[in-house]
């Protein structure tokens, strides 16, 4: 396939990942092998909806150089590992998909895999935690790829998937998400929704909050309502929550004054007991990303609640993720 066609495949894939909720904001990355020495990869910190074919970096892993107007993704090392280990692989996708990320947090606990599932995923393995963009993460993913698995869950982080084609890699991402959704604990039974009285109260609260924060939105997904009914905060299990929200999502009663005070303190996400959550970003895209992250955080909290594993990120790692995000990636996204 010509380089021009590969560039279009990559930019189209970025938009599809956003459409299907497999990434939020600028997270994740996509690459395609050009030849035996180079691959194209999405740039670091650039919104998928804004990324053009000319924005991609042509990366040479042997000498770690690139051609293009932007730096390649900081996760270029894990893409390079896939191409080095699997000669047949031509396309790699790194996602932050909700249910697979939740399953990866506690290391496959409760995940039932049939032989057919493993075959469709090209094998499945887990990589131990490493901070994003570090050699530790690359080494952990490399070890997982060396097991023969083409689909790797990165603990506390997301998923990386290698395929012979764009279609194969993307189909594996969708298949994995559906598989993990059926295996996530804490989501059994009919989806939770608000009754008429709860809906009216939700609309009243949002109206009051928007007098001060016009971009505020509700997150009333099944998982968020389920967790908010427990009346407990959420501690970050995943890098992306730690980066964009912080180590904890606090919980508050359904009182507009109390909610507004939290938002005035700079908290962009808040659980409302029994009702879901309220989020407020710096812009529309920011708020939508927060809605996805809060729902994913609730899914993780529900799934890992009964696990005996240590599922939360450490305080230091969470604080570092938040600091780096505020000083670097949020500024990149906003130009």
C-alpha atoms as a PDB file:
ATOM      1  CA  UNK A   1       0.000   0.000   0.000  1.00  0.00           C
ATOM      2  CA  UNK A   2       1.285   3.472  -0.878  1.00  0.00           C
ATOM      3  CA  UNK A   3       2.307   5.877   1.866  1.00  0.00           C
ATOM      4  CA  UNK A   4      -0.472   8.306   0.907  1.00  0.00           C
ATOM      5  CA  UNK A   5      -3.085   5.594   1.448  1.00  0.00           C
ATOM      6  CA  UNK A   6      -1.565   4.608   4.782  1.00  0.00           C
ATOM      7  CA  UNK A   7      -1.700   8.225   5.955  1.00  0.00           C
ATOM      8  CA  UNK A   8      -5.409   8.363   5.162  1.00  0.00           C
ATOM      9  CA  UNK A   9      -6.021   5.045   6.923  1.00  0.00           C
ATOM     10  CA  UNK A  10      -4.374   6.357  10.088  1.00  0.00           C
ATOM     11  CA  UNK A  11      -6.263   9.658  10.216  1.00  0.00           C
ATOM     12  CA  UNK A  12      -9.553   7.898   9.451  1.00  0.00           C
ATOM     13  CA  UNK A  13      -8.855   5.385  12.231  1.00  0.00           C
ATOM     14  CA  UNK A  14      -8.305   8.168  14.768  1.00  0.00           C
ATOM     15  CA  UNK A  15     -11.751   9.574  14.026  1.00  0.00           C
ATOM     16  CA  UNK A  16     -13.303   6.096  14.196  1.00  0.00           C
ATOM     17  CA  UNK A  17     -11.729   5.487  17.617  1.00  0.00           C
ATOM     18  CA  UNK A  18     -13.382   8.674  18.900  1.00  0.00           C
ATOM     19  CA  UNK A  19     -16.699   7.759  17.274  1.00  0.00           C
ATOM     20  CA  UNK A  20     -16.740   4.304  18.863  1.00  0.00           C
ATOM     21  CA  UNK A  21     -15.612   5.545  22.292  1.00  0.00           C
ATOM     22  CA  UNK A  22     -12.345   3.604  22.225  1.00  0.00           C
ATOM     23  CA  UNK A  23     -10.369   6.757  23.046  1.00  0.00           C
ATOM     24  CA  UNK A  24     -11.122  10.200  24.453  1.00  0.00           C
ATOM     25  CA  UNK A  25      -9.562  13.539  23.648  1.00  0.00           C
ATOM     26  CA  UNK A  26      -5.972  12.981  22.399  1.00  0.00           C
ATOM     27  CA  UNK A  27      -5.311   9.652  24.121  1.00  0.00           C
ATOM     28  CA  UNK A  28      -4.232   6.557  22.275  1.00  0.00           C
ATOM     29  CA  UNK A  29      -2.290   6.434  19.016  1.00  0.00           C
ATOM     30  CA  UNK A  30      -2.268   4.748  15.627  1.00  0.00           C
ATOM     31  CA  UNK A  31       0.547   3.621  13.334  1.00  0.00           C
ATOM     32  CA  UNK A  32       1.132   1.821  10.038  1.00  0.00           C
ATOM     33  CA  UNK A  33       4.286   0.191   8.674  1.00  0.00           C
ATOM     34  CA  UNK A  34       5.621   1.846   5.526  1.00  0.00           C
ATOM     35  CA  UNK A  35       8.585  -0.470   4.900  1.00  0.00           C
ATOM     36  CA  UNK A  36      11.090  -2.553   6.827  1.00  0.00           C
ATOM     37  CA  UNK A  37      12.674   0.525   8.403  1.00  0.00           C
ATOM     38  CA  UNK A  38       9.900   3.096   8.892  1.00  0.00           C
ATOM     39  CA  UNK A  39       6.370   3.462  10.187  1.00  0.00           C
ATOM     40  CA  UNK A  40       3.920   6.351  10.247  1.00  0.00           C
ATOM     41  CA  UNK A  41       2.437   7.318  13.612  1.00  0.00           C
ATOM     42  CA  UNK A  42       0.065   9.919  15.005  1.00  0.00           C
ATOM     43  CA  UNK A  43       1.725  12.916  16.687  1.00  0.00           C
ATOM     44  CA  UNK A  44       1.859  13.569  20.397  1.00  0.00           C
ATOM     45  CA  UNK A  45      -0.994  15.590  21.919  1.00  0.00           C
ATOM     46  CA  UNK A  46      -2.886  16.468  18.713  1.00  0.00           C
ATOM     47  CA  UNK A  47      -6.671  16.088  18.559  1.00  0.00           C
ATOM     48  CA  UNK A  48      -7.745  13.298  16.194  1.00  0.00           C
ATOM     49  CA  UNK A  49     -10.406  15.505  14.631  1.00  0.00           C
ATOM     50  CA  UNK A  50      -7.739  18.061  13.754  1.00  0.00           C
ATOM     51  CA  UNK A  51      -5.005  15.655  12.667  1.00  0.00           C
ATOM     52  CA  UNK A  52      -4.343  15.737   8.924  1.00  0.00           C
ATOM     53  CA  UNK A  53      -2.380  13.308   6.811  1.00  0.00           C
ATOM     54  CA  UNK A  54       0.494  15.808   6.688  1.00  0.00           C
ATOM     55  CA  UNK A  55       0.637  15.923  10.509  1.00  0.00           C
ATOM     56  CA  UNK A  56       1.791  12.310  10.850  1.00  0.00           C
ATOM     57  CA  UNK A  57       5.374  11.517  11.758  1.00  0.00           C
ATOM     58  CA  UNK A  58       7.430   9.125   9.658  1.00  0.00           C
ATOM     59  CA  UNK A  59       9.463   7.369  12.328  1.00  0.00           C
ATOM     60  CA  UNK A  60      12.741   5.471  11.968  1.00  0.00           C
ATOM     61  CA  UNK A  61      13.034   3.306  15.114  1.00  0.00           C
ATOM     62  CA  UNK A  62      16.607   2.160  14.481  1.00  0.00           C
ATOM     63  CA  UNK A  63      18.063   5.644  14.989  1.00  0.00           C
ATOM     64  CA  UNK A  64      14.990   7.196  16.690  1.00  0.00           C
ATOM     65  CA  UNK A  65      14.564   9.981  14.154  1.00  0.00           C
ATOM     66  CA  UNK A  66      11.444  11.199  12.390  1.00  0.00           C
ATOM     67  CA  UNK A  67      10.245  13.367   9.539  1.00  0.00           C
ATOM     68  CA  UNK A  68       7.186  15.569  10.025  1.00  0.00           C
ATOM     69  CA  UNK A  69       5.909  18.792  11.593  1.00  0.00           C
ATOM     70  CA  UNK A  70       5.148  17.224  15.003  1.00  0.00           C
ATOM     71  CA  UNK A  71       6.835  14.881  17.445  1.00  0.00           C
ATOM     72  CA  UNK A  72       5.637  11.282  17.123  1.00  0.00           C
ATOM     73  CA  UNK A  73       3.541   9.838  19.951  1.00  0.00           C
ATOM     74  CA  UNK A  74       5.434   9.199  23.177  1.00  0.00           C
ATOM     75  CA  UNK A  75       4.267   5.568  22.873  1.00  0.00           C
ATOM     76  CA  UNK A  76       6.182   5.031  19.625  1.00  0.00           C
ATOM     77  CA  UNK A  77       8.344   2.454  21.408  1.00  0.00           C
ATOM     78  CA  UNK A  78       5.501   0.001  21.908  1.00  0.00           C
ATOM     79  CA  UNK A  79       4.577   0.310  18.221  1.00  0.00           C
ATOM     80  CA  UNK A  80       8.194  -0.326  17.258  1.00  0.00           C
ATOM     81  CA  UNK A  81       8.182  -3.441  19.444  1.00  0.00           C
ATOM     82  CA  UNK A  82       5.124  -4.828  17.636  1.00  0.00           C
ATOM     83  CA  UNK A  83       6.691  -4.360  14.199  1.00  0.00           C
ATOM     84  CA  UNK A  84       9.999  -5.859  15.325  1.00  0.00           C
ATOM     85  CA  UNK A  85       8.484  -8.938  16.961  1.00  0.00           C
ATOM     86  CA  UNK A  86       5.769  -9.641  14.362  1.00  0.00           C
ATOM     87  CA  UNK A  87       7.039  -9.334  10.760  1.00  0.00           C
ATOM     88  CA  UNK A  88       3.491  -9.827   9.423  1.00  0.00           C
ATOM     89  CA  UNK A  89       2.067  -6.877  11.394  1.00  0.00           C
ATOM     90  CA  UNK A  90       1.392  -3.714   9.399  1.00  0.00           C
ATOM     91  CA  UNK A  91      -0.981  -1.763  11.644  1.00  0.00           C
ATOM     92  CA  UNK A  92      -1.002  -1.016  15.385  1.00  0.00           C
ATOM     93  CA  UNK A  93      -3.665   0.698  17.497  1.00  0.00           C
ATOM     94  CA  UNK A  94      -3.323   1.832  21.102  1.00  0.00           C
ATOM     95  CA  UNK A  95      -6.711   2.480  22.714  1.00  0.00           C
ATOM     96  CA  UNK A  96      -8.143   3.507  26.080  1.00  0.00           C
ATOM     97  CA  UNK A  97     -11.336   1.489  25.682  1.00  0.00           C
ATOM     98  CA  UNK A  98     -13.533   1.315  28.769  1.00  0.00           C
ATOM     99  CA  UNK A  99     -14.247  -2.347  29.510  1.00  0.00           C
ATOM    100  CA  UNK A 100     -10.920  -3.773  28.372  1.00  0.00           C
ATOM    101  CA  UNK A 101      -9.111  -1.170  30.485  1.00  0.00           C
ATOM    102  CA  UNK A 102     -11.225  -2.189  33.492  1.00  0.00           C
ATOM    103  CA  UNK A 103     -10.461  -5.881  32.984  1.00  0.00           C
ATOM    104  CA  UNK A 104      -6.759  -5.079  32.652  1.00  0.00           C
ATOM    105  CA  UNK A 105      -6.608  -3.248  35.979  1.00  0.00           C
ATOM    106  CA  UNK A 106      -6.791  -6.412  38.074  1.00  0.00           C
ATOM    107  CA  UNK A 107      -5.066  -8.702  35.620  1.00  0.00           C
ATOM    108  CA  UNK A 108      -7.739 -10.837  33.958  1.00  0.00           C
ATOM    109  CA  UNK A 109      -9.593 -11.687  37.172  1.00  0.00           C
ATOM    110  CA  UNK A 110     -13.017 -12.970  36.157  1.00  0.00           C
ATOM    111  CA  UNK A 111     -12.264 -12.966  32.418  1.00  0.00           C
ATOM    112  CA  UNK A 112     -13.494 -16.117  30.696  1.00  0.00           C
ATOM    113  CA  UNK A 113     -11.804 -16.803  27.367  1.00  0.00           C
ATOM    114  CA  UNK A 114     -12.692 -19.519  24.887  1.00  0.00           C
ATOM    115  CA  UNK A 115     -10.228 -20.815  22.303  1.00  0.00           C
ATOM    116  CA  UNK A 116     -12.235 -18.932  19.670  1.00  0.00           C
ATOM    117  CA  UNK A 117     -11.771 -15.667  21.574  1.00  0.00           C
ATOM    118  CA  UNK A 118      -8.011 -16.086  21.782  1.00  0.00           C
ATOM    119  CA  UNK A 119      -7.846 -16.881  18.084  1.00  0.00           C
ATOM    120  CA  UNK A 120      -9.838 -13.808  17.067  1.00  0.00           C
ATOM    121  CA  UNK A 121      -7.674 -11.576  19.257  1.00  0.00           C
ATOM    122  CA  UNK A 122      -4.448 -13.116  17.986  1.00  0.00           C
ATOM    123  CA  UNK A 123      -3.725 -14.122  21.570  1.00  0.00           C
ATOM    124  CA  UNK A 124      -4.188 -12.018  24.698  1.00  0.00           C
ATOM    125  CA  UNK A 125      -1.616 -11.032  27.333  1.00  0.00           C
ATOM    126  CA  UNK A 126      -1.193  -8.433  30.069  1.00  0.00           C
ATOM    127  CA  UNK A 127       1.714  -6.011  30.463  1.00  0.00           C
ATOM    128  CA  UNK A 128       2.683  -4.863  33.939  1.00  0.00           C
ATOM    129  CA  UNK A 129       2.389  -1.177  34.757  1.00  0.00           C
ATOM    130  CA  UNK A 130       4.812   1.467  33.591  1.00  0.00           C
ATOM    131  CA  UNK A 131       4.315   5.208  33.344  1.00  0.00           C
ATOM    132  CA  UNK A 132       3.211   6.296  29.828  1.00  0.00           C
ATOM    133  CA  UNK A 133       6.060   6.862  27.411  1.00  0.00           C
ATOM    134  CA  UNK A 134       8.688   5.209  29.608  1.00  0.00           C
ATOM    135  CA  UNK A 135      11.134   2.415  28.965  1.00  0.00           C
ATOM    136  CA  UNK A 136       9.491   0.416  31.741  1.00  0.00           C
ATOM    137  CA  UNK A 137       6.178   0.383  29.859  1.00  0.00           C
ATOM    138  CA  UNK A 138       7.861  -0.437  26.558  1.00  0.00           C
ATOM    139  CA  UNK A 139       9.750  -3.349  28.141  1.00  0.00           C
ATOM    140  CA  UNK A 140       6.569  -4.687  29.744  1.00  0.00           C
ATOM    141  CA  UNK A 141       4.664  -4.527  26.443  1.00  0.00           C
ATOM    142  CA  UNK A 142       7.584  -6.070  24.563  1.00  0.00           C
ATOM    143  CA  UNK A 143       7.575  -8.998  26.976  1.00  0.00           C
ATOM    144  CA  UNK A 144       3.827  -9.448  26.446  1.00  0.00           C
ATOM    145  CA  UNK A 145       4.242  -9.374  22.646  1.00  0.00           C
ATOM    146  CA  UNK A 146       7.078 -11.903  22.903  1.00  0.00           C
ATOM    147  CA  UNK A 147       4.568 -14.361  24.387  1.00  0.00           C
ATOM    148  CA  UNK A 148       2.977 -14.381  20.926  1.00  0.00           C
ATOM    149  CA  UNK A 149      -0.081 -12.301  21.870  1.00  0.00           C
ATOM    150  CA  UNK A 150      -1.113  -9.629  19.360  1.00  0.00           C
ATOM    151  CA  UNK A 151      -3.556  -8.007  21.829  1.00  0.00           C
ATOM    152  CA  UNK A 152      -2.060  -6.675  25.058  1.00  0.00           C
ATOM    153  CA  UNK A 153      -3.803  -5.118  28.047  1.00  0.00           C
ATOM    154  CA  UNK A 154      -1.544  -2.522  29.674  1.00  0.00           C
ATOM    155  CA  UNK A 155      -2.259  -2.497  33.389  1.00  0.00           C
ATOM    156  CA  UNK A 156      -3.688   0.847  34.612  1.00  0.00           C
ATOM    157  CA  UNK A 157      -3.371   2.256  31.105  1.00  0.00           C
ATOM    158  CA  UNK A 158      -5.196   0.768  28.119  1.00  0.00           C
ATOM    159  CA  UNK A 159      -4.740  -1.666  25.241  1.00  0.00           C
ATOM    160  CA  UNK A 160      -2.344  -2.084  22.322  1.00  0.00           C
ATOM    161  CA  UNK A 161      -3.409  -4.210  19.360  1.00  0.00           C
ATOM    162  CA  UNK A 162      -1.309  -5.402  16.413  1.00  0.00           C
ATOM    163  CA  UNK A 163      -2.828  -6.579  13.135  1.00  0.00           C
ATOM    164  CA  UNK A 164      -1.828  -7.496   9.619  1.00  0.00           C
ATOM    165  CA  UNK A 165      -4.194  -4.818   8.362  1.00  0.00           C
ATOM    166  CA  UNK A 166      -6.094  -1.839   9.720  1.00  0.00           C
ATOM    167  CA  UNK A 167      -9.300  -3.871   9.486  1.00  0.00           C
ATOM    168  CA  UNK A 168      -7.890  -6.761  11.512  1.00  0.00           C
ATOM    169  CA  UNK A 169      -6.507  -4.504  14.252  1.00  0.00           C
ATOM    170  CA  UNK A 170      -9.762  -2.541  14.531  1.00  0.00           C
ATOM    171  CA  UNK A 171     -11.944  -5.649  14.537  1.00  0.00           C
ATOM    172  CA  UNK A 172      -9.821  -6.998  17.390  1.00  0.00           C
ATOM    173  CA  UNK A 173     -10.377  -3.790  19.363  1.00  0.00           C
ATOM    174  CA  UNK A 174     -14.163  -4.022  18.955  1.00  0.00           C
ATOM    175  CA  UNK A 175     -14.235  -7.763  19.665  1.00  0.00           C
ATOM    176  CA  UNK A 176     -12.145  -7.286  22.808  1.00  0.00           C
ATOM    177  CA  UNK A 177     -14.414  -4.535  24.102  1.00  0.00           C
ATOM    178  CA  UNK A 178     -17.566  -6.600  23.632  1.00  0.00           C
ATOM    179  CA  UNK A 179     -15.912  -9.598  25.264  1.00  0.00           C
ATOM    180  CA  UNK A 180     -14.720  -7.596  28.272  1.00  0.00           C
ATOM    181  CA  UNK A 181     -18.098  -5.896  28.688  1.00  0.00           C
ATOM    182  CA  UNK A 182     -19.778  -9.265  29.214  1.00  0.00           C
ATOM    183  CA  UNK A 183     -17.114 -10.176  31.790  1.00  0.00           C
ATOM    184  CA  UNK A 184     -17.085  -6.960  33.842  1.00  0.00           C
ATOM    185  CA  UNK A 185     -18.341  -7.511  37.391  1.00  0.00           C
ATOM    186  CA  UNK A 186     -20.824  -5.207  39.104  1.00  0.00           C
ATOM    187  CA  UNK A 187     -22.931  -4.521  36.026  1.00  0.00           C
ATOM    188  CA  UNK A 188     -25.261  -7.499  36.211  1.00  0.00           C
ATOM    189  CA  UNK A 189     -29.004  -7.102  35.731  1.00  0.00           C
ATOM    190  CA  UNK A 190     -31.002  -4.345  34.093  1.00  0.00           C
ATOM    191  CA  UNK A 191     -29.230  -0.987  33.585  1.00  0.00           C
ATOM    192  CA  UNK A 192     -29.808   1.549  36.349  1.00  0.00           C
ATOM    193  CA  UNK A 193     -31.764   4.673  35.415  1.00  0.00           C
ATOM    194  CA  UNK A 194     -33.315   7.555  37.327  1.00  0.00           C
ATOM    195  CA  UNK A 195     -37.052   7.533  37.965  1.00  0.00           C
ATOM    196  CA  UNK A 196     -39.280  10.511  37.171  1.00  0.00           C
ATOM    197  CA  UNK A 197     -38.583  12.209  40.494  1.00  0.00           C
ATOM    198  CA  UNK A 198     -34.835  11.659  40.108  1.00  0.00           C
ATOM    199  CA  UNK A 199     -34.889  13.011  36.565  1.00  0.00           C
ATOM    200  CA  UNK A 200     -36.674  16.162  37.686  1.00  0.00           C
ATOM    201  CA  UNK A 201     -34.169  16.635  40.502  1.00  0.00           C
ATOM    202  CA  UNK A 202     -31.286  16.093  38.077  1.00  0.00           C
ATOM    203  CA  UNK A 203     -32.620  18.784  35.719  1.00  0.00           C
ATOM    204  CA  UNK A 204     -33.083  21.210  38.624  1.00  0.00           C
ATOM    205  CA  UNK A 205     -29.539  20.657  39.890  1.00  0.00           C
ATOM    206  CA  UNK A 206     -28.002  21.114  36.460  1.00  0.00           C
ATOM    207  CA  UNK A 207     -29.954  24.341  35.893  1.00  0.00           C
ATOM    208  CA  UNK A 208     -28.700  25.730  39.213  1.00  0.00           C
ATOM    209  CA  UNK A 209     -25.102  24.715  38.566  1.00  0.00           C
ATOM    210  CA  UNK A 210     -25.137  26.210  35.063  1.00  0.00           C
ATOM    211  CA  UNK A 211     -25.782  29.663  36.509  1.00  0.00           C
ATOM    212  CA  UNK A 212     -22.109  29.491  37.506  1.00  0.00           C
ATOM    213  CA  UNK A 213     -20.684  26.812  35.209  1.00  0.00           C
ATOM    214  CA  UNK A 214     -22.418  26.861  31.828  1.00  0.00           C
ATOM    215  CA  UNK A 215     -20.468  23.886  30.452  1.00  0.00           C
ATOM    216  CA  UNK A 216     -21.577  21.538  33.243  1.00  0.00           C
ATOM    217  CA  UNK A 217     -23.086  18.222  32.142  1.00  0.00           C
ATOM    218  CA  UNK A 218     -24.575  15.135  33.790  1.00  0.00           C
ATOM    219  CA  UNK A 219     -23.075  11.680  33.602  1.00  0.00           C
ATOM    220  CA  UNK A 220     -25.999   9.359  34.294  1.00  0.00           C
ATOM    221  CA  UNK A 221     -24.756   6.128  32.733  1.00  0.00           C
ATOM    222  CA  UNK A 222     -25.571   2.750  34.229  1.00  0.00           C
ATOM    223  CA  UNK A 223     -22.148   2.403  35.875  1.00  0.00           C
ATOM    224  CA  UNK A 224     -22.067   5.950  37.246  1.00  0.00           C
ATOM    225  CA  UNK A 225     -25.508   5.661  38.827  1.00  0.00           C
ATOM    226  CA  UNK A 226     -24.644   2.243  40.293  1.00  0.00           C
ATOM    227  CA  UNK A 227     -21.456   3.523  41.914  1.00  0.00           C
ATOM    228  CA  UNK A 228     -22.989   6.807  43.123  1.00  0.00           C
ATOM    229  CA  UNK A 229     -25.651   4.793  44.955  1.00  0.00           C
ATOM    230  CA  UNK A 230     -22.868   3.386  47.125  1.00  0.00           C
ATOM    231  CA  UNK A 231     -22.045   6.894  48.307  1.00  0.00           C
ATOM    232  CA  UNK A 232     -18.278   6.380  48.022  1.00  0.00           C
ATOM    233  CA  UNK A 233     -15.574   8.283  46.144  1.00  0.00           C
ATOM    234  CA  UNK A 234     -13.637   6.734  43.274  1.00  0.00           C
ATOM    235  CA  UNK A 235      -9.859   6.395  43.508  1.00  0.00           C
ATOM    236  CA  UNK A 236      -8.029   6.406  40.167  1.00  0.00           C
ATOM    237  CA  UNK A 237      -7.220   2.983  38.733  1.00  0.00           C
ATOM    238  CA  UNK A 238      -6.206   4.331  35.308  1.00  0.00           C
ATOM    239  CA  UNK A 239      -3.663   6.855  34.064  1.00  0.00           C
ATOM    240  CA  UNK A 240      -6.177   8.877  32.074  1.00  0.00           C
ATOM    241  CA  UNK A 241      -8.394   9.566  35.095  1.00  0.00           C
ATOM    242  CA  UNK A 242      -5.361  10.545  37.161  1.00  0.00           C
ATOM    243  CA  UNK A 243      -4.216  12.858  34.376  1.00  0.00           C
ATOM    244  CA  UNK A 244      -7.413  14.689  33.595  1.00  0.00           C
ATOM    245  CA  UNK A 245      -9.361  14.466  36.859  1.00  0.00           C
ATOM    246  CA  UNK A 246      -6.885  13.683  39.613  1.00  0.00           C
ATOM    247  CA  UNK A 247      -6.496  10.860  42.103  1.00  0.00           C
ATOM    248  CA  UNK A 248     -10.077  10.953  43.410  1.00  0.00           C
ATOM    249  CA  UNK A 249     -13.613  11.729  42.319  1.00  0.00           C
ATOM    250  CA  UNK A 250     -15.374  12.914  45.456  1.00  0.00           C
ATOM    251  CA  UNK A 251     -19.022  12.295  46.292  1.00  0.00           C
ATOM    252  CA  UNK A 252     -21.551  14.949  47.364  1.00  0.00           C
ATOM    253  CA  UNK A 253     -25.250  15.054  48.249  1.00  0.00           C
ATOM    254  CA  UNK A 254     -27.724  16.501  45.729  1.00  0.00           C
ATOM    255  CA  UNK A 255     -27.363  20.062  46.999  1.00  0.00           C
ATOM    256  CA  UNK A 256     -26.619  22.754  44.370  1.00  0.00           C
ATOM    257  CA  UNK A 257     -24.658  25.000  46.737  1.00  0.00           C
ATOM    258  CA  UNK A 258     -22.413  22.140  47.817  1.00  0.00           C
ATOM    259  CA  UNK A 259     -21.853  21.050  44.201  1.00  0.00           C
ATOM    260  CA  UNK A 260     -21.001  24.586  43.101  1.00  0.00           C
ATOM    261  CA  UNK A 261     -18.451  24.932  45.908  1.00  0.00           C
ATOM    262  CA  UNK A 262     -16.630  21.824  44.687  1.00  0.00           C
ATOM    263  CA  UNK A 263     -16.500  23.140  41.128  1.00  0.00           C
ATOM    264  CA  UNK A 264     -15.291  26.537  42.355  1.00  0.00           C
ATOM    265  CA  UNK A 265     -12.365  24.755  43.998  1.00  0.00           C
ATOM    266  CA  UNK A 266     -11.313  23.493  40.567  1.00  0.00           C
ATOM    267  CA  UNK A 267     -12.758  19.983  40.749  1.00  0.00           C
ATOM    268  CA  UNK A 268     -13.983  19.097  37.255  1.00  0.00           C
ATOM    269  CA  UNK A 269     -15.833  15.886  38.194  1.00  0.00           C
ATOM    270  CA  UNK A 270     -18.088  15.113  41.152  1.00  0.00           C
ATOM    271  CA  UNK A 271     -20.253  12.118  42.059  1.00  0.00           C
ATOM    272  CA  UNK A 272     -23.763  13.019  43.216  1.00  0.00           C
ATOM    273  CA  UNK A 273     -25.038  10.422  45.671  1.00  0.00           C
ATOM    274  CA  UNK A 274     -27.575   8.090  44.063  1.00  0.00           C
ATOM    275  CA  UNK A 275     -27.798  10.093  40.836  1.00  0.00           C
ATOM    276  CA  UNK A 276     -24.591   9.809  38.815  1.00  0.00           C
ATOM    277  CA  UNK A 277     -22.049  12.607  38.398  1.00  0.00           C
ATOM    278  CA  UNK A 278     -21.597  16.186  37.212  1.00  0.00           C
ATOM    279  CA  UNK A 279     -18.592  17.187  35.088  1.00  0.00           C
ATOM    280  CA  UNK A 280     -17.406  20.524  33.761  1.00  0.00           C
ATOM    281  CA  UNK A 281     -14.473  20.917  31.370  1.00  0.00           C
ATOM    282  CA  UNK A 282     -12.629  23.862  29.899  1.00  0.00           C
ATOM    283  CA  UNK A 283     -14.560  23.511  26.639  1.00  0.00           C
ATOM    284  CA  UNK A 284     -17.147  21.248  25.016  1.00  0.00           C
ATOM    285  CA  UNK A 285     -14.605  18.636  23.977  1.00  0.00           C
ATOM    286  CA  UNK A 286     -13.067  18.643  27.430  1.00  0.00           C
ATOM    287  CA  UNK A 287     -16.454  18.079  29.049  1.00  0.00           C
ATOM    288  CA  UNK A 288     -17.272  15.197  26.713  1.00  0.00           C
ATOM    289  CA  UNK A 289     -13.920  13.566  27.527  1.00  0.00           C
ATOM    290  CA  UNK A 290     -14.689  13.909  31.241  1.00  0.00           C
ATOM    291  CA  UNK A 291     -18.060  12.203  30.728  1.00  0.00           C
ATOM    292  CA  UNK A 292     -16.265   9.227  29.145  1.00  0.00           C
ATOM    293  CA  UNK A 293     -13.610   9.127  31.862  1.00  0.00           C
ATOM    294  CA  UNK A 294     -16.071   9.273  34.766  1.00  0.00           C
ATOM    295  CA  UNK A 295     -18.128   6.454  33.279  1.00  0.00           C
ATOM    296  CA  UNK A 296     -14.961   4.395  32.743  1.00  0.00           C
ATOM    297  CA  UNK A 297     -13.804   5.138  36.292  1.00  0.00           C
ATOM    298  CA  UNK A 298     -17.160   3.878  37.604  1.00  0.00           C
ATOM    299  CA  UNK A 299     -16.893   0.709  35.498  1.00  0.00           C
ATOM    300  CA  UNK A 300     -13.403   0.091  36.914  1.00  0.00           C
ATOM    301  CA  UNK A 301     -14.570   0.736  40.478  1.00  0.00           C
ATOM    302  CA  UNK A 302     -17.486  -1.676  40.123  1.00  0.00           C
ATOM    303  CA  UNK A 303     -15.385  -4.387  38.496  1.00  0.00           C
ATOM    304  CA  UNK A 304     -12.496  -4.225  40.938  1.00  0.00           C
ATOM    305  CA  UNK A 305     -14.570  -3.808  44.100  1.00  0.00           C
ATOM    306  CA  UNK A 306     -14.504  -7.517  44.930  1.00  0.00           C
ATOM    307  CA  UNK A 307     -10.942  -8.087  43.722  1.00  0.00           C
ATOM    308  CA  UNK A 308      -8.220  -8.810  46.252  1.00  0.00           C
ATOM    309  CA  UNK A 309      -5.658  -7.219  43.951  1.00  0.00           C
ATOM    310  CA  UNK A 310      -4.172  -3.764  44.584  1.00  0.00           C
ATOM    311  CA  UNK A 311      -6.102  -1.938  41.888  1.00  0.00           C
ATOM    312  CA  UNK A 312      -5.608   1.772  42.598  1.00  0.00           C
ATOM    313  CA  UNK A 313      -2.707   3.755  41.181  1.00  0.00           C
ATOM    314  CA  UNK A 314      -0.138   4.813  43.752  1.00  0.00           C
ATOM    315  CA  UNK A 315      -0.298   8.350  45.137  1.00  0.00           C
ATOM    316  CA  UNK A 316       3.012   9.331  43.555  1.00  0.00           C
ATOM    317  CA  UNK A 317       2.134   7.995  40.105  1.00  0.00           C
ATOM    318  CA  UNK A 318      -1.283   9.688  40.236  1.00  0.00           C
ATOM    319  CA  UNK A 319       0.213  13.021  41.265  1.00  0.00           C
ATOM    320  CA  UNK A 320       2.869  12.787  38.560  1.00  0.00           C
ATOM    321  CA  UNK A 321       0.288  11.975  35.899  1.00  0.00           C
ATOM    322  CA  UNK A 322      -1.808  14.980  36.917  1.00  0.00           C
ATOM    323  CA  UNK A 323       1.206  17.319  36.981  1.00  0.00           C
ATOM    324  CA  UNK A 324       2.471  16.243  33.549  1.00  0.00           C
ATOM    325  CA  UNK A 325      -0.994  16.528  32.045  1.00  0.00           C
ATOM    326  CA  UNK A 326      -1.576  20.042  33.386  1.00  0.00           C
ATOM    327  CA  UNK A 327       1.860  21.286  32.346  1.00  0.00           C
ATOM    328  CA  UNK A 328       2.131  19.577  28.984  1.00  0.00           C
ATOM    329  CA  UNK A 329      -0.693  17.680  27.287  1.00  0.00           C
ATOM    330  CA  UNK A 330      -3.595  20.022  28.042  1.00  0.00           C
ATOM    331  CA  UNK A 331      -1.554  22.891  26.617  1.00  0.00           C
ATOM    332  CA  UNK A 332      -0.662  20.843  23.529  1.00  0.00           C
ATOM    333  CA  UNK A 333      -4.316  20.055  22.925  1.00  0.00           C
ATOM    334  CA  UNK A 334      -5.262  23.704  23.198  1.00  0.00           C
ATOM    335  CA  UNK A 335      -2.459  24.867  20.958  1.00  0.00           C
END
